[in-house]
Amino acid sequence: MSASDSKLVWDWPLSHTEDGVFTSREIDGKVGIVVDCKIFKDKEVKVIVDKDKIDIHCLHEEVEKSGLICKREISRCYRLPPSLDPKTVKHSLKNGELIITVEKKA
């Protein structure tokens, strides 16, 4: 999986916004996004950096006793603004929150 030009690419949310799943805020002096991933296990969350894009993909599937498949998925690709350094992207999953931080260019 990679951040391709054919998928919808969102601008990095510079204003501190929240849409219920994604929250933009400053974290330890860095620009960051926090994603609510409480329903996902560590291995179900992927963050891929491809040049100036960050691809976030979370997928959870489970088969119920009845045979029905329950699937939950979050997918978003962000384009970093020129003021942020893609080489400094870091991410971690803590207490159900995916935290992605990026440093500003010097």
N, C-alpha and C. Protein backbone atom coordinates (compact mmCIF):
# COMPACT_ATOMS: atom_id res chain seq x y z
N MET A 1 0.86 -1.18 0.00
CA MET A 1 0.00 0.00 0.00
C MET A 1 0.89 1.23 0.00
N SER A 2 0.56 2.18 -0.82
CA SER A 2 1.30 3.44 -0.82
C SER A 2 0.35 4.58 -1.12
N ALA A 3 0.79 5.76 -0.77
CA ALA A 3 -0.02 6.95 -1.02
C ALA A 3 0.08 7.26 -2.51
N SER A 4 -0.94 6.92 -3.25
CA SER A 4 -0.89 7.12 -4.69
C SER A 4 -1.64 8.37 -5.11
N ASP A 5 -1.34 8.82 -6.31
CA ASP A 5 -1.99 10.03 -6.82
C ASP A 5 -3.45 9.79 -7.18
N SER A 6 -3.87 8.52 -7.31
CA SER A 6 -5.24 8.24 -7.73
C SER A 6 -6.24 8.30 -6.58
N LYS A 7 -5.79 8.30 -5.35
CA LYS A 7 -6.73 8.35 -4.22
C LYS A 7 -6.90 9.78 -3.73
N LEU A 8 -7.96 9.99 -2.98
CA LEU A 8 -8.23 11.31 -2.43
C LEU A 8 -7.15 11.68 -1.43
N VAL A 9 -6.52 12.82 -1.62
CA VAL A 9 -5.47 13.29 -0.72
C VAL A 9 -5.95 14.57 -0.06
N TRP A 10 -5.97 14.56 1.27
CA TRP A 10 -6.42 15.70 2.06
C TRP A 10 -5.24 16.61 2.36
N ASP A 11 -5.49 17.91 2.44
CA ASP A 11 -4.46 18.83 2.92
C ASP A 11 -4.27 18.59 4.41
N TRP A 12 -3.04 18.72 4.87
CA TRP A 12 -2.74 18.56 6.29
C TRP A 12 -3.52 19.61 7.07
N PRO A 13 -4.25 19.22 8.10
CA PRO A 13 -5.07 20.19 8.85
C PRO A 13 -4.23 21.06 9.76
N LEU A 14 -3.89 22.26 9.30
CA LEU A 14 -3.04 23.16 10.08
C LEU A 14 -3.81 23.83 11.21
N SER A 15 -5.09 24.09 10.99
CA SER A 15 -5.88 24.65 12.08
C SER A 15 -6.25 23.49 13.00
N HIS A 16 -6.34 23.76 14.27
CA HIS A 16 -6.62 22.70 15.24
C HIS A 16 -8.09 22.34 15.15
N THR A 17 -8.36 21.30 14.36
CA THR A 17 -9.73 20.90 14.08
C THR A 17 -9.98 19.49 14.58
N GLU A 18 -11.25 19.13 14.62
CA GLU A 18 -11.64 17.79 15.04
C GLU A 18 -12.87 17.40 14.24
N ASP A 19 -12.88 16.16 13.73
CA ASP A 19 -14.05 15.69 12.99
C ASP A 19 -14.67 14.45 13.62
N GLY A 20 -14.32 14.16 14.86
CA GLY A 20 -14.86 13.00 15.54
C GLY A 20 -13.90 11.83 15.58
N VAL A 21 -13.06 11.69 14.56
CA VAL A 21 -12.06 10.62 14.52
C VAL A 21 -10.66 11.23 14.48
N PHE A 22 -10.47 12.26 13.66
CA PHE A 22 -9.17 12.90 13.50
C PHE A 22 -9.17 14.23 14.24
N THR A 23 -8.12 14.47 15.03
CA THR A 23 -7.97 15.73 15.75
C THR A 23 -6.59 16.29 15.43
N SER A 24 -6.52 17.56 15.05
CA SER A 24 -5.26 18.22 14.78
C SER A 24 -4.88 19.06 15.99
N ARG A 25 -3.62 18.94 16.45
CA ARG A 25 -3.18 19.75 17.57
C ARG A 25 -1.65 19.76 17.64
N GLU A 26 -1.13 20.68 18.46
CA GLU A 26 0.31 20.73 18.68
C GLU A 26 0.66 19.75 19.79
N ILE A 27 1.70 18.92 19.55
CA ILE A 27 2.11 17.90 20.51
C ILE A 27 3.61 18.05 20.73
N ASP A 28 4.01 18.40 21.94
CA ASP A 28 5.43 18.56 22.28
C ASP A 28 6.15 19.48 21.30
N GLY A 29 5.53 20.58 20.91
CA GLY A 29 6.15 21.54 20.01
C GLY A 29 6.15 21.13 18.55
N LYS A 30 5.50 20.00 18.23
CA LYS A 30 5.43 19.52 16.85
C LYS A 30 3.98 19.59 16.38
N VAL A 31 3.80 19.58 15.07
CA VAL A 31 2.46 19.54 14.50
C VAL A 31 2.00 18.09 14.55
N GLY A 32 0.77 17.87 14.97
CA GLY A 32 0.33 16.49 15.10
C GLY A 32 -1.13 16.25 14.77
N ILE A 33 -1.40 14.98 14.53
CA ILE A 33 -2.77 14.49 14.34
C ILE A 33 -2.96 13.34 15.31
N VAL A 34 -4.12 13.31 15.95
CA VAL A 34 -4.48 12.20 16.82
C VAL A 34 -5.70 11.53 16.21
N VAL A 35 -5.62 10.21 16.04
CA VAL A 35 -6.70 9.44 15.43
C VAL A 35 -7.27 8.49 16.48
N ASP A 36 -8.59 8.50 16.65
CA ASP A 36 -9.24 7.59 17.58
C ASP A 36 -9.22 6.18 16.99
N CYS A 37 -8.38 5.31 17.56
CA CYS A 37 -8.21 3.95 17.06
C CYS A 37 -8.55 2.91 18.13
N LYS A 38 -9.45 3.24 19.02
CA LYS A 38 -9.76 2.34 20.13
C LYS A 38 -10.25 0.97 19.68
N ILE A 39 -10.90 0.90 18.53
CA ILE A 39 -11.44 -0.38 18.07
C ILE A 39 -10.42 -1.22 17.30
N PHE A 40 -9.21 -0.68 17.10
CA PHE A 40 -8.20 -1.38 16.32
C PHE A 40 -7.06 -1.90 17.20
N LYS A 41 -6.51 -3.05 16.82
CA LYS A 41 -5.32 -3.59 17.47
C LYS A 41 -4.09 -3.00 16.78
N ASP A 42 -2.94 -3.08 17.46
CA ASP A 42 -1.70 -2.51 16.91
C ASP A 42 -1.43 -2.97 15.48
N LYS A 43 -1.57 -4.27 15.23
CA LYS A 43 -1.24 -4.81 13.91
C LYS A 43 -2.25 -4.41 12.83
N GLU A 44 -3.37 -3.82 13.23
CA GLU A 44 -4.41 -3.40 12.28
C GLU A 44 -4.25 -1.94 11.84
N VAL A 45 -3.23 -1.26 12.38
CA VAL A 45 -3.00 0.16 12.10
C VAL A 45 -1.70 0.32 11.32
N LYS A 46 -1.77 0.98 10.16
CA LYS A 46 -0.58 1.20 9.35
C LYS A 46 -0.46 2.69 9.00
N VAL A 47 0.77 3.19 9.09
CA VAL A 47 1.08 4.57 8.69
C VAL A 47 2.26 4.48 7.73
N ILE A 48 2.06 5.00 6.52
CA ILE A 48 3.11 4.94 5.50
C ILE A 48 3.41 6.37 5.04
N VAL A 49 4.70 6.72 5.03
CA VAL A 49 5.13 8.03 4.54
C VAL A 49 5.69 7.82 3.14
N ASP A 50 5.16 8.57 2.18
CA ASP A 50 5.61 8.48 0.79
C ASP A 50 5.84 9.91 0.29
N LYS A 51 7.09 10.34 0.32
CA LYS A 51 7.48 11.70 -0.05
C LYS A 51 6.75 12.71 0.82
N ASP A 52 5.81 13.48 0.25
CA ASP A 52 5.13 14.51 1.04
C ASP A 52 3.73 14.06 1.48
N LYS A 53 3.47 12.75 1.43
CA LYS A 53 2.15 12.24 1.81
C LYS A 53 2.26 11.26 2.98
N ILE A 54 1.24 11.28 3.82
CA ILE A 54 1.13 10.31 4.91
C ILE A 54 -0.17 9.55 4.69
N ASP A 55 -0.04 8.23 4.56
CA ASP A 55 -1.19 7.36 4.32
C ASP A 55 -1.51 6.63 5.63
N ILE A 56 -2.72 6.82 6.14
CA ILE A 56 -3.16 6.20 7.39
C ILE A 56 -4.23 5.18 7.02
N HIS A 57 -4.03 3.93 7.44
CA HIS A 57 -5.00 2.89 7.13
C HIS A 57 -5.19 1.99 8.34
N CYS A 58 -6.44 1.87 8.78
CA CYS A 58 -6.79 1.01 9.91
C CYS A 58 -7.90 0.07 9.44
N LEU A 59 -7.72 -1.23 9.69
CA LEU A 59 -8.71 -2.21 9.24
C LEU A 59 -8.90 -3.27 10.31
N HIS A 60 -10.16 -3.47 10.71
CA HIS A 60 -10.51 -4.50 11.69
C HIS A 60 -11.63 -5.34 11.10
N GLU A 61 -11.41 -6.65 11.05
CA GLU A 61 -12.44 -7.57 10.58
C GLU A 61 -12.60 -8.69 11.59
N GLU A 62 -13.84 -9.05 11.82
CA GLU A 62 -14.09 -10.22 12.67
C GLU A 62 -15.32 -10.94 12.14
N VAL A 63 -15.29 -12.27 12.28
CA VAL A 63 -16.40 -13.09 11.84
C VAL A 63 -17.22 -13.47 13.06
N GLU A 64 -18.50 -13.14 13.01
CA GLU A 64 -19.39 -13.48 14.12
C GLU A 64 -19.79 -14.95 14.02
N LYS A 65 -20.33 -15.50 15.10
CA LYS A 65 -20.74 -16.90 15.12
C LYS A 65 -21.75 -17.21 14.02
N SER A 66 -22.56 -16.24 13.67
CA SER A 66 -23.57 -16.43 12.63
C SER A 66 -22.96 -16.47 11.23
N GLY A 67 -21.67 -16.16 11.12
CA GLY A 67 -20.99 -16.15 9.83
C GLY A 67 -20.91 -14.77 9.20
N LEU A 68 -21.60 -13.81 9.81
CA LEU A 68 -21.52 -12.44 9.30
C LEU A 68 -20.15 -11.85 9.58
N ILE A 69 -19.67 -11.05 8.66
CA ILE A 69 -18.37 -10.40 8.82
C ILE A 69 -18.60 -8.95 9.22
N CYS A 70 -17.99 -8.57 10.32
CA CYS A 70 -18.04 -7.18 10.79
C CYS A 70 -16.71 -6.53 10.41
N LYS A 71 -16.78 -5.46 9.63
CA LYS A 71 -15.57 -4.80 9.14
C LYS A 71 -15.64 -3.32 9.49
N ARG A 72 -14.56 -2.82 10.09
CA ARG A 72 -14.43 -1.39 10.38
C ARG A 72 -13.13 -0.92 9.76
N GLU A 73 -13.20 0.23 9.09
CA GLU A 73 -12.03 0.70 8.37
C GLU A 73 -11.96 2.22 8.39
N ILE A 74 -10.75 2.73 8.58
CA ILE A 74 -10.47 4.15 8.47
C ILE A 74 -9.31 4.28 7.49
N SER A 75 -9.44 5.16 6.53
CA SER A 75 -8.36 5.37 5.58
C SER A 75 -8.34 6.85 5.20
N ARG A 76 -7.17 7.42 5.32
CA ARG A 76 -7.03 8.83 4.94
C ARG A 76 -5.58 9.05 4.50
N CYS A 77 -5.41 9.88 3.48
CA CYS A 77 -4.08 10.24 3.00
C CYS A 77 -3.96 11.76 3.09
N TYR A 78 -2.90 12.21 3.76
CA TYR A 78 -2.68 13.65 3.94
C TYR A 78 -1.45 14.09 3.16
N ARG A 79 -1.54 15.26 2.55
CA ARG A 79 -0.38 15.90 1.92
C ARG A 79 0.21 16.87 2.93
N LEU A 80 1.50 16.71 3.20
CA LEU A 80 2.18 17.62 4.12
C LEU A 80 2.45 18.96 3.44
N PRO A 81 2.26 20.05 4.14
CA PRO A 81 2.61 21.35 3.56
C PRO A 81 4.13 21.47 3.47
N PRO A 82 4.63 22.35 2.61
CA PRO A 82 6.08 22.52 2.43
C PRO A 82 6.81 22.91 3.72
N SER A 83 6.11 23.47 4.69
CA SER A 83 6.76 23.91 5.94
C SER A 83 7.07 22.76 6.90
N LEU A 84 6.56 21.54 6.61
CA LEU A 84 6.81 20.38 7.48
C LEU A 84 7.79 19.42 6.82
N ASP A 85 8.64 18.80 7.63
CA ASP A 85 9.69 17.91 7.15
C ASP A 85 9.22 16.45 7.17
N PRO A 86 8.96 15.83 6.01
CA PRO A 86 8.46 14.46 5.98
C PRO A 86 9.44 13.44 6.59
N LYS A 87 10.72 13.78 6.66
CA LYS A 87 11.71 12.87 7.24
C LYS A 87 11.56 12.75 8.75
N THR A 88 10.77 13.64 9.36
CA THR A 88 10.63 13.64 10.83
C THR A 88 9.30 13.05 11.30
N VAL A 89 8.54 12.44 10.39
CA VAL A 89 7.25 11.86 10.77
C VAL A 89 7.48 10.71 11.75
N LYS A 90 6.77 10.77 12.86
CA LYS A 90 6.81 9.70 13.86
C LYS A 90 5.37 9.36 14.22
N HIS A 91 5.13 8.10 14.56
CA HIS A 91 3.79 7.72 14.98
C HIS A 91 3.87 6.65 16.06
N SER A 92 2.85 6.66 16.92
CA SER A 92 2.76 5.65 17.97
C SER A 92 1.29 5.43 18.30
N LEU A 93 0.99 4.26 18.83
CA LEU A 93 -0.37 3.93 19.24
C LEU A 93 -0.35 3.74 20.74
N LYS A 94 -1.05 4.63 21.46
CA LYS A 94 -1.09 4.58 22.92
C LYS A 94 -2.52 4.76 23.39
N ASN A 95 -2.96 3.87 24.24
CA ASN A 95 -4.30 3.96 24.83
C ASN A 95 -5.40 4.19 23.79
N GLY A 96 -5.28 3.51 22.66
CA GLY A 96 -6.30 3.62 21.63
C GLY A 96 -6.21 4.85 20.76
N GLU A 97 -5.15 5.64 20.91
CA GLU A 97 -4.96 6.83 20.08
C GLU A 97 -3.71 6.68 19.21
N LEU A 98 -3.89 6.84 17.92
CA LEU A 98 -2.76 6.89 17.00
C LEU A 98 -2.29 8.33 16.97
N ILE A 99 -1.04 8.55 17.38
CA ILE A 99 -0.49 9.90 17.45
C ILE A 99 0.59 10.02 16.37
N ILE A 100 0.40 10.96 15.45
CA ILE A 100 1.35 11.21 14.37
C ILE A 100 1.89 12.62 14.54
N THR A 101 3.21 12.76 14.60
CA THR A 101 3.82 14.08 14.74
C THR A 101 4.81 14.33 13.61
N VAL A 102 4.94 15.60 13.26
CA VAL A 102 5.87 16.04 12.22
C VAL A 102 6.51 17.34 12.68
N GLU A 103 7.83 17.43 12.51
CA GLU A 103 8.53 18.65 12.88
C GLU A 103 8.49 19.66 11.74
N LYS A 104 8.54 20.93 12.11
CA LYS A 104 8.61 21.99 11.12
C LYS A 104 10.03 22.05 10.58
N LYS A 105 10.17 22.45 9.31
CA LYS A 105 11.50 22.59 8.72
C LYS A 105 12.21 23.76 9.38
N ALA A 106 13.53 23.63 9.51
CA ALA A 106 14.32 24.69 10.14
C ALA A 106 14.47 25.88 9.24
